[in-house]
Amino acid sequence: MSTSETVRAELDAAIADADLERATRRLQHKVLRQAAALDTLHRRVVTQRFVLRTLDELGRSLSPDEYAAARARVGDDALPDRIDPPR
């Protein structure tokens, strides 16, 4: 039985037992896990697009100092928090 089938079976059992609170918590946790995974993926995509745009402008790789300076110049106030720091 796959994970999704197991979760579905557990939810069906909780609903059948009239334990709607437990079923609701399970669904909320599932949604929160999926939202966190989506946020992680989105951060990676934003970071990759940022690096690609910057590299295209320079025509070469960035040093850590150049990366930090470019990150600081991002115009959208929400994006710098979504761009991962250099590794």
PDB file of N, CA and C in Angstrom:
ATOM      1  N   MET A   1       0.854  -1.172   0.000  1.00  0.00           N
ATOM      2  CA  MET A   1       0.000   0.000   0.000  1.00  0.00           C
ATOM      3  C   MET A   1       0.903   1.239   0.000  1.00  0.00           C
ATOM      4  N   SER A   2       0.611   2.177  -0.897  1.00  0.00           N
ATOM      5  CA  SER A   2       1.423   3.386  -0.980  1.00  0.00           C
ATOM      6  C   SER A   2       1.119   4.313   0.193  1.00  0.00           C
ATOM      7  N   THR A   3       1.974   5.317   0.356  1.00  0.00           N
ATOM      8  CA  THR A   3       1.800   6.274   1.447  1.00  0.00           C
ATOM      9  C   THR A   3       0.463   6.997   1.322  1.00  0.00           C
ATOM     10  N   SER A   4       0.133   7.433   0.113  1.00  0.00           N
ATOM     11  CA  SER A   4      -1.134   8.156  -0.061  1.00  0.00           C
ATOM     12  C   SER A   4      -2.328   7.254   0.206  1.00  0.00           C
ATOM     13  N   GLU A   5      -2.218   5.991  -0.162  1.00  0.00           N
ATOM     14  CA  GLU A   5      -3.305   5.049   0.128  1.00  0.00           C
ATOM     15  C   GLU A   5      -3.434   4.810   1.624  1.00  0.00           C
ATOM     16  N   THR A   6      -2.292   4.738   2.310  1.00  0.00           N
ATOM     17  CA  THR A   6      -2.300   4.555   3.765  1.00  0.00           C
ATOM     18  C   THR A   6      -2.943   5.744   4.455  1.00  0.00           C
ATOM     19  N   VAL A   7      -2.542   6.955   4.045  1.00  0.00           N
ATOM     20  CA  VAL A   7      -3.108   8.173   4.626  1.00  0.00           C
ATOM     21  C   VAL A   7      -4.601   8.220   4.358  1.00  0.00           C
ATOM     22  N   ARG A   8      -4.987   7.902   3.146  1.00  0.00           N
ATOM     23  CA  ARG A   8      -6.408   7.913   2.793  1.00  0.00           C
ATOM     24  C   ARG A   8      -7.190   6.903   3.647  1.00  0.00           C
ATOM     25  N   ALA A   9      -6.611   5.725   3.831  1.00  0.00           N
ATOM     26  CA  ALA A   9      -7.272   4.707   4.642  1.00  0.00           C
ATOM     27  C   ALA A   9      -7.425   5.169   6.087  1.00  0.00           C
ATOM     28  N   GLU A  10      -6.381   5.819   6.613  1.00  0.00           N
ATOM     29  CA  GLU A  10      -6.447   6.337   7.980  1.00  0.00           C
ATOM     30  C   GLU A  10      -7.511   7.424   8.111  1.00  0.00           C
ATOM     31  N   LEU A  11      -7.575   8.295   7.115  1.00  0.00           N
ATOM     32  CA  LEU A  11      -8.577   9.355   7.140  1.00  0.00           C
ATOM     33  C   LEU A  11      -9.980   8.776   7.036  1.00  0.00           C
ATOM     34  N   ASP A  12     -10.156   7.809   6.149  1.00  0.00           N
ATOM     35  CA  ASP A  12     -11.466   7.157   6.013  1.00  0.00           C
ATOM     36  C   ASP A  12     -11.879   6.506   7.326  1.00  0.00           C
ATOM     37  N   ALA A  13     -10.920   5.859   8.001  1.00  0.00           N
ATOM     38  CA  ALA A  13     -11.220   5.215   9.285  1.00  0.00           C
ATOM     39  C   ALA A  13     -11.586   6.257  10.333  1.00  0.00           C
ATOM     40  N   ALA A  14     -10.870   7.373  10.356  1.00  0.00           N
ATOM     41  CA  ALA A  14     -11.155   8.424  11.334  1.00  0.00           C
ATOM     42  C   ALA A  14     -12.537   9.028  11.086  1.00  0.00           C
ATOM     43  N   ILE A  15     -12.862   9.231   9.824  1.00  0.00           N
ATOM     44  CA  ILE A  15     -14.171   9.790   9.479  1.00  0.00           C
ATOM     45  C   ILE A  15     -15.266   8.789   9.835  1.00  0.00           C
ATOM     46  N   ALA A  16     -15.035   7.510   9.541  1.00  0.00           N
ATOM     47  CA  ALA A  16     -16.017   6.475   9.859  1.00  0.00           C
ATOM     48  C   ALA A  16     -16.238   6.373  11.370  1.00  0.00           C
ATOM     49  N   ASP A  17     -15.184   6.620  12.141  1.00  0.00           N
ATOM     50  CA  ASP A  17     -15.297   6.585  13.599  1.00  0.00           C
ATOM     51  C   ASP A  17     -15.859   7.897  14.153  1.00  0.00           C
ATOM     52  N   ALA A  18     -16.234   8.791  13.255  1.00  0.00           N
ATOM     53  CA  ALA A  18     -16.753  10.114  13.621  1.00  0.00           C
ATOM     54  C   ALA A  18     -15.699  10.935  14.362  1.00  0.00           C
ATOM     55  N   ASP A  19     -14.422  10.657  14.084  1.00  0.00           N
ATOM     56  CA  ASP A  19     -13.332  11.426  14.685  1.00  0.00           C
ATOM     57  C   ASP A  19     -12.893  12.486  13.674  1.00  0.00           C
ATOM     58  N   LEU A  20     -13.781  13.432  13.429  1.00  0.00           N
ATOM     59  CA  LEU A  20     -13.516  14.461  12.429  1.00  0.00           C
ATOM     60  C   LEU A  20     -12.366  15.365  12.839  1.00  0.00           C
ATOM     61  N   GLU A  21     -12.195  15.553  14.140  1.00  0.00           N
ATOM     62  CA  GLU A  21     -11.088  16.398  14.609  1.00  0.00           C
ATOM     63  C   GLU A  21      -9.748  15.788  14.214  1.00  0.00           C
ATOM     64  N   ARG A  22      -9.592  14.483  14.423  1.00  0.00           N
ATOM     65  CA  ARG A  22      -8.349  13.809  14.041  1.00  0.00           C
ATOM     66  C   ARG A  22      -8.154  13.845  12.527  1.00  0.00           C
ATOM     67  N   ALA A  23      -9.219  13.627  11.782  1.00  0.00           N
ATOM     68  CA  ALA A  23      -9.126  13.664  10.324  1.00  0.00           C
ATOM     69  C   ALA A  23      -8.741  15.065   9.852  1.00  0.00           C
ATOM     70  N   THR A  24      -9.320  16.084  10.477  1.00  0.00           N
ATOM     71  CA  THR A  24      -8.994  17.462  10.108  1.00  0.00           C
ATOM     72  C   THR A  24      -7.536  17.782  10.405  1.00  0.00           C
ATOM     73  N   ARG A  25      -7.046  17.351  11.578  1.00  0.00           N
ATOM     74  CA  ARG A  25      -5.634  17.586  11.925  1.00  0.00           C
ATOM     75  C   ARG A  25      -4.706  16.915  10.916  1.00  0.00           C
ATOM     76  N   ARG A  26      -5.048  15.667  10.538  1.00  0.00           N
ATOM     77  CA  ARG A  26      -4.215  14.951   9.560  1.00  0.00           C
ATOM     78  C   ARG A  26      -4.143  15.722   8.246  1.00  0.00           C
ATOM     79  N   LEU A  27      -5.291  16.183   7.784  1.00  0.00           N
ATOM     80  CA  LEU A  27      -5.308  16.932   6.526  1.00  0.00           C
ATOM     81  C   LEU A  27      -4.555  18.248   6.653  1.00  0.00           C
ATOM     82  N   GLN A  28      -4.693  18.932   7.791  1.00  0.00           N
ATOM     83  CA  GLN A  28      -3.966  20.179   7.994  1.00  0.00           C
ATOM     84  C   GLN A  28      -2.460  19.949   7.992  1.00  0.00           C
ATOM     85  N   HIS A  29      -2.013  18.894   8.650  1.00  0.00           N
ATOM     86  CA  HIS A  29      -0.582  18.587   8.668  1.00  0.00           C
ATOM     87  C   HIS A  29      -0.087  18.246   7.264  1.00  0.00           C
ATOM     88  N   LYS A  30      -0.884  17.523   6.526  1.00  0.00           N
ATOM     89  CA  LYS A  30      -0.504  17.173   5.155  1.00  0.00           C
ATOM     90  C   LYS A  30      -0.358  18.442   4.311  1.00  0.00           C
ATOM     91  N   VAL A  31      -1.319  19.349   4.434  1.00  0.00           N
ATOM     92  CA  VAL A  31      -1.265  20.600   3.683  1.00  0.00           C
ATOM     93  C   VAL A  31      -0.038  21.415   4.090  1.00  0.00           C
ATOM     94  N   LEU A  32       0.252  21.483   5.384  1.00  0.00           N
ATOM     95  CA  LEU A  32       1.421  22.237   5.849  1.00  0.00           C
ATOM     96  C   LEU A  32       2.722  21.637   5.330  1.00  0.00           C
ATOM     97  N   ARG A  33       2.817  20.298   5.303  1.00  0.00           N
ATOM     98  CA  ARG A  33       4.023  19.647   4.757  1.00  0.00           C
ATOM     99  C   ARG A  33       4.174  19.960   3.272  1.00  0.00           C
ATOM    100  N   GLN A  34       3.068  19.893   2.550  1.00  0.00           N
ATOM    101  CA  GLN A  34       3.126  20.189   1.121  1.00  0.00           C
ATOM    102  C   GLN A  34       3.481  21.649   0.872  1.00  0.00           C
ATOM    103  N   ALA A  35       2.949  22.556   1.696  1.00  0.00           N
ATOM    104  CA  ALA A  35       3.273  23.975   1.555  1.00  0.00           C
ATOM    105  C   ALA A  35       4.748  24.226   1.824  1.00  0.00           C
ATOM    106  N   ALA A  36       5.300  23.558   2.820  1.00  0.00           N
ATOM    107  CA  ALA A  36       6.730  23.712   3.121  1.00  0.00           C
ATOM    108  C   ALA A  36       7.588  23.182   1.976  1.00  0.00           C
ATOM    109  N   ALA A  37       7.189  22.043   1.411  1.00  0.00           N
ATOM    110  CA  ALA A  37       7.940  21.484   0.281  1.00  0.00           C
ATOM    111  C   ALA A  37       7.856  22.405  -0.929  1.00  0.00           C
ATOM    112  N   LEU A  38       6.688  22.974  -1.167  1.00  0.00           N
ATOM    113  CA  LEU A  38       6.520  23.899  -2.289  1.00  0.00           C
ATOM    114  C   LEU A  38       7.337  25.165  -2.074  1.00  0.00           C
ATOM    115  N   ASP A  39       7.376  25.673  -0.847  1.00  0.00           N
ATOM    116  CA  ASP A  39       8.173  26.852  -0.542  1.00  0.00           C
ATOM    117  C   ASP A  39       9.657  26.579  -0.775  1.00  0.00           C
ATOM    118  N   THR A  40      10.134  25.415  -0.356  1.00  0.00           N
ATOM    119  CA  THR A  40      11.537  25.043  -0.575  1.00  0.00           C
ATOM    120  C   THR A  40      11.852  24.997  -2.070  1.00  0.00           C
ATOM    121  N   LEU A  41      10.970  24.382  -2.831  1.00  0.00           N
ATOM    122  CA  LEU A  41      11.171  24.311  -4.282  1.00  0.00           C
ATOM    123  C   LEU A  41      11.161  25.705  -4.896  1.00  0.00           C
ATOM    124  N   HIS A  42      10.219  26.542  -4.473  1.00  0.00           N
ATOM    125  CA  HIS A  42      10.141  27.893  -5.023  1.00  0.00           C
ATOM    126  C   HIS A  42      11.408  28.686  -4.714  1.00  0.00           C
ATOM    127  N   ARG A  43      11.935  28.537  -3.507  1.00  0.00           N
ATOM    128  CA  ARG A  43      13.182  29.227  -3.150  1.00  0.00           C
ATOM    129  C   ARG A  43      14.331  28.792  -4.060  1.00  0.00           C
ATOM    130  N   ARG A  44      14.394  27.505  -4.352  1.00  0.00           N
ATOM    131  CA  ARG A  44      15.454  27.016  -5.248  1.00  0.00           C
ATOM    132  C   ARG A  44      15.300  27.611  -6.639  1.00  0.00           C
ATOM    133  N   VAL A  45      14.073  27.671  -7.132  1.00  0.00           N
ATOM    134  CA  VAL A  45      13.832  28.225  -8.469  1.00  0.00           C
ATOM    135  C   VAL A  45      14.185  29.708  -8.505  1.00  0.00           C
ATOM    136  N   VAL A  46      13.762  30.460  -7.493  1.00  0.00           N
ATOM    137  CA  VAL A  46      14.070  31.892  -7.440  1.00  0.00           C
ATOM    138  C   VAL A  46      15.578  32.101  -7.400  1.00  0.00           C
ATOM    139  N   THR A  47      16.270  31.304  -6.587  1.00  0.00           N
ATOM    140  CA  THR A  47      17.722  31.413  -6.481  1.00  0.00           C
ATOM    141  C   THR A  47      18.388  31.101  -7.820  1.00  0.00           C
ATOM    142  N   GLN A  48      17.946  30.047  -8.471  1.00  0.00           N
ATOM    143  CA  GLN A  48      18.545  29.668  -9.750  1.00  0.00           C
ATOM    144  C   GLN A  48      18.302  30.734 -10.814  1.00  0.00           C
ATOM    145  N   ARG A  49      17.110  31.283 -10.862  1.00  0.00           N
ATOM    146  CA  ARG A  49      16.829  32.350 -11.840  1.00  0.00           C
ATOM    147  C   ARG A  49      17.688  33.578 -11.563  1.00  0.00           C
ATOM    148  N   PHE A  50      17.828  33.912 -10.282  1.00  0.00           N
ATOM    149  CA  PHE A  50      18.656  35.049  -9.893  1.00  0.00           C
ATOM    150  C   PHE A  50      20.096  34.847 -10.359  1.00  0.00           C
ATOM    151  N   VAL A  51      20.643  33.675 -10.075  1.00  0.00           N
ATOM    152  CA  VAL A  51      22.033  33.396 -10.456  1.00  0.00           C
ATOM    153  C   VAL A  51      22.177  33.409 -11.973  1.00  0.00           C
ATOM    154  N   LEU A  52      21.240  32.811 -12.682  1.00  0.00           N
ATOM    155  CA  LEU A  52      21.331  32.776 -14.141  1.00  0.00           C
ATOM    156  C   LEU A  52      21.275  34.178 -14.741  1.00  0.00           C
ATOM    157  N   ARG A  53      20.382  35.015 -14.228  1.00  0.00           N
ATOM    158  CA  ARG A  53      20.316  36.395 -14.747  1.00  0.00           C
ATOM    159  C   ARG A  53      21.627  37.132 -14.489  1.00  0.00           C
ATOM    160  N   THR A  54      22.166  36.972 -13.294  1.00  0.00           N
ATOM    161  CA  THR A  54      23.406  37.667 -12.934  1.00  0.00           C
ATOM    162  C   THR A  54      24.571  37.151 -13.762  1.00  0.00           C
ATOM    163  N   LEU A  55      24.662  35.830 -13.916  1.00  0.00           N
ATOM    164  CA  LEU A  55      25.744  35.268 -14.726  1.00  0.00           C
ATOM    165  C   LEU A  55      25.641  35.714 -16.171  1.00  0.00           C
ATOM    166  N   ASP A  56      24.424  35.792 -16.672  1.00  0.00           N
ATOM    167  CA  ASP A  56      24.233  36.237 -18.053  1.00  0.00           C
ATOM    168  C   ASP A  56      24.730  37.662 -18.228  1.00  0.00           C
ATOM    169  N   GLU A  57      24.489  38.496 -17.227  1.00  0.00           N
ATOM    170  CA  GLU A  57      24.956  39.882 -17.294  1.00  0.00           C
ATOM    171  C   GLU A  57      26.482  39.970 -17.262  1.00  0.00           C
ATOM    172  N   LEU A  58      27.111  39.093 -16.467  1.00  0.00           N
ATOM    173  CA  LEU A  58      28.566  39.147 -16.302  1.00  0.00           C
ATOM    174  C   LEU A  58      29.324  38.311 -17.322  1.00  0.00           C
ATOM    175  N   GLY A  59      28.709  37.248 -17.780  1.00  0.00           N
ATOM    176  CA  GLY A  59      29.380  36.341 -18.703  1.00  0.00           C
ATOM    177  C   GLY A  59      30.405  35.450 -18.011  1.00  0.00           C
ATOM    178  N   ARG A  60      30.307  35.290 -16.680  1.00  0.00           N
ATOM    179  CA  ARG A  60      31.221  34.432 -15.929  1.00  0.00           C
ATOM    180  C   ARG A  60      30.607  34.076 -14.576  1.00  0.00           C
ATOM    181  N   SER A  61      31.307  33.265 -13.786  1.00  0.00           N
ATOM    182  CA  SER A  61      30.826  32.875 -12.461  1.00  0.00           C
ATOM    183  C   SER A  61      30.996  34.016 -11.462  1.00  0.00           C
ATOM    184  N   LEU A  62      30.208  33.952 -10.402  1.00  0.00           N
ATOM    185  CA  LEU A  62      30.269  34.981  -9.359  1.00  0.00           C
ATOM    186  C   LEU A  62      31.184  34.568  -8.214  1.00  0.00           C
ATOM    187  N   SER A  63      31.917  35.536  -7.691  1.00  0.00           N
ATOM    188  CA  SER A  63      32.638  35.307  -6.441  1.00  0.00           C
ATOM    189  C   SER A  63      31.613  35.474  -5.305  1.00  0.00           C
ATOM    190  N   PRO A  64      31.915  35.002  -4.107  1.00  0.00           N
ATOM    191  CA  PRO A  64      30.973  35.192  -2.988  1.00  0.00           C
ATOM    192  C   PRO A  64      30.636  36.662  -2.730  1.00  0.00           C
ATOM    193  N   ASP A  65      31.626  37.547  -2.867  1.00  0.00           N
ATOM    194  CA  ASP A  65      31.370  38.978  -2.664  1.00  0.00           C
ATOM    195  C   ASP A  65      30.455  39.538  -3.745  1.00  0.00           C
ATOM    196  N   GLU A  66      30.671  39.114  -4.986  1.00  0.00           N
ATOM    197  CA  GLU A  66      29.810  39.565  -6.081  1.00  0.00           C
ATOM    198  C   GLU A  66      28.377  39.057  -5.890  1.00  0.00           C
ATOM    199  N   TYR A  67      28.265  37.817  -5.429  1.00  0.00           N
ATOM    200  CA  TYR A  67      26.936  37.234  -5.185  1.00  0.00           C
ATOM    201  C   TYR A  67      26.192  38.054  -4.134  1.00  0.00           C
ATOM    202  N   ALA A  68      26.865  38.368  -3.038  1.00  0.00           N
ATOM    203  CA  ALA A  68      26.246  39.143  -1.962  1.00  0.00           C
ATOM    204  C   ALA A  68      25.858  40.531  -2.444  1.00  0.00           C
ATOM    205  N   ALA A  69      26.713  41.164  -3.237  1.00  0.00           N
ATOM    206  CA  ALA A  69      26.412  42.499  -3.745  1.00  0.00           C
ATOM    207  C   ALA A  69      25.229  42.459  -4.705  1.00  0.00           C
ATOM    208  N   ALA A  70      25.186  41.467  -5.562  1.00  0.00           N
ATOM    209  CA  ALA A  70      24.074  41.338  -6.506  1.00  0.00           C
ATOM    210  C   ALA A  70      22.769  41.062  -5.763  1.00  0.00           C
ATOM    211  N   ARG A  71      22.842  40.233  -4.746  1.00  0.00           N
ATOM    212  CA  ARG A  71      21.649  39.909  -3.948  1.00  0.00           C
ATOM    213  C   ARG A  71      21.125  41.173  -3.264  1.00  0.00           C
ATOM    214  N   ALA A  72      22.017  42.014  -2.806  1.00  0.00           N
ATOM    215  CA  ALA A  72      21.616  43.248  -2.128  1.00  0.00           C
ATOM    216  C   ALA A  72      20.946  44.235  -3.090  1.00  0.00           C
ATOM    217  N   ARG A  73      21.227  44.126  -4.386  1.00  0.00           N
ATOM    218  CA  ARG A  73      20.671  45.050  -5.375  1.00  0.00           C
ATOM    219  C   ARG A  73      19.302  44.630  -5.900  1.00  0.00           C
ATOM    220  N   VAL A  74      18.780  43.490  -5.474  1.00  0.00           N
ATOM    221  CA  VAL A  74      17.486  43.020  -5.977  1.00  0.00           C
ATOM    222  C   VAL A  74      16.423  44.053  -5.631  1.00  0.00           C
ATOM    223  N   GLY A  75      15.641  44.452  -6.635  1.00  0.00           N
ATOM    224  CA  GLY A  75      14.672  45.530  -6.462  1.00  0.00           C
ATOM    225  C   GLY A  75      13.419  45.140  -5.697  1.00  0.00           C
ATOM    226  N   ASP A  76      12.959  43.934  -5.855  1.00  0.00           N
ATOM    227  CA  ASP A  76      11.729  43.493  -5.189  1.00  0.00           C
ATOM    228  C   ASP A  76      12.041  43.178  -3.734  1.00  0.00           C
ATOM    229  N   ASP A  77      11.382  43.859  -2.802  1.00  0.00           N
ATOM    230  CA  ASP A  77      11.675  43.703  -1.373  1.00  0.00           C
ATOM    231  C   ASP A  77      11.448  42.279  -0.870  1.00  0.00           C
ATOM    232  N   ALA A  78      10.562  41.531  -1.494  1.00  0.00           N
ATOM    233  CA  ALA A  78      10.250  40.177  -1.023  1.00  0.00           C
ATOM    234  C   ALA A  78      11.286  39.158  -1.503  1.00  0.00           C
ATOM    235  N   LEU A  79      11.962  39.432  -2.595  1.00  0.00           N
ATOM    236  CA  LEU A  79      12.861  38.428  -3.168  1.00  0.00           C
ATOM    237  C   LEU A  79      14.159  38.187  -2.410  1.00  0.00           C
ATOM    238  N   PRO A  80      14.845  39.183  -1.858  1.00  0.00           N
ATOM    239  CA  PRO A  80      16.108  38.872  -1.174  1.00  0.00           C
ATOM    240  C   PRO A  80      15.966  37.813  -0.083  1.00  0.00           C
ATOM    241  N   ASP A  81      14.841  37.795   0.606  1.00  0.00           N
ATOM    242  CA  ASP A  81      14.631  36.785   1.629  1.00  0.00           C
ATOM    243  C   ASP A  81      14.412  35.401   1.038  1.00  0.00           C
ATOM    244  N   ARG A  82      14.074  35.353  -0.229  1.00  0.00           N
ATOM    245  CA  ARG A  82      13.808  34.078  -0.893  1.00  0.00           C
ATOM    246  C   ARG A  82      15.035  33.570  -1.664  1.00  0.00           C
ATOM    247  N   ILE A  83      16.094  34.378  -1.729  1.00  0.00           N
ATOM    248  CA  ILE A  83      17.323  33.968  -2.424  1.00  0.00           C
ATOM    249  C   ILE A  83      18.273  33.416  -1.382  1.00  0.00           C
ATOM    250  N   ASP A  84      18.654  32.169  -1.572  1.00  0.00           N
ATOM    251  CA  ASP A  84      19.535  31.514  -0.604  1.00  0.00           C
ATOM    252  C   ASP A  84      20.891  32.215  -0.554  1.00  0.00           C
ATOM    253  N   PRO A  85      21.515  32.226   0.632  1.00  0.00           N
ATOM    254  CA  PRO A  85      22.867  32.785   0.729  1.00  0.00           C
ATOM    255  C   PRO A  85      23.854  31.889  -0.027  1.00  0.00           C
ATOM    256  N   PRO A  86      24.989  32.445  -0.430  1.00  0.00           N
ATOM    257  CA  PRO A  86      25.978  31.627  -1.154  1.00  0.00           C
ATOM    258  C   PRO A  86      26.505  30.506  -0.279  1.00  0.00           C
ATOM    259  N   ARG A  87      26.875  29.419  -0.923  1.00  0.00           N
ATOM    260  CA  ARG A  87      27.402  28.254  -0.177  1.00  0.00           C
ATOM    261  C   ARG A  87      28.890  28.198  -0.267  1.00  0.00           C
TER     262      ARG A  87
END
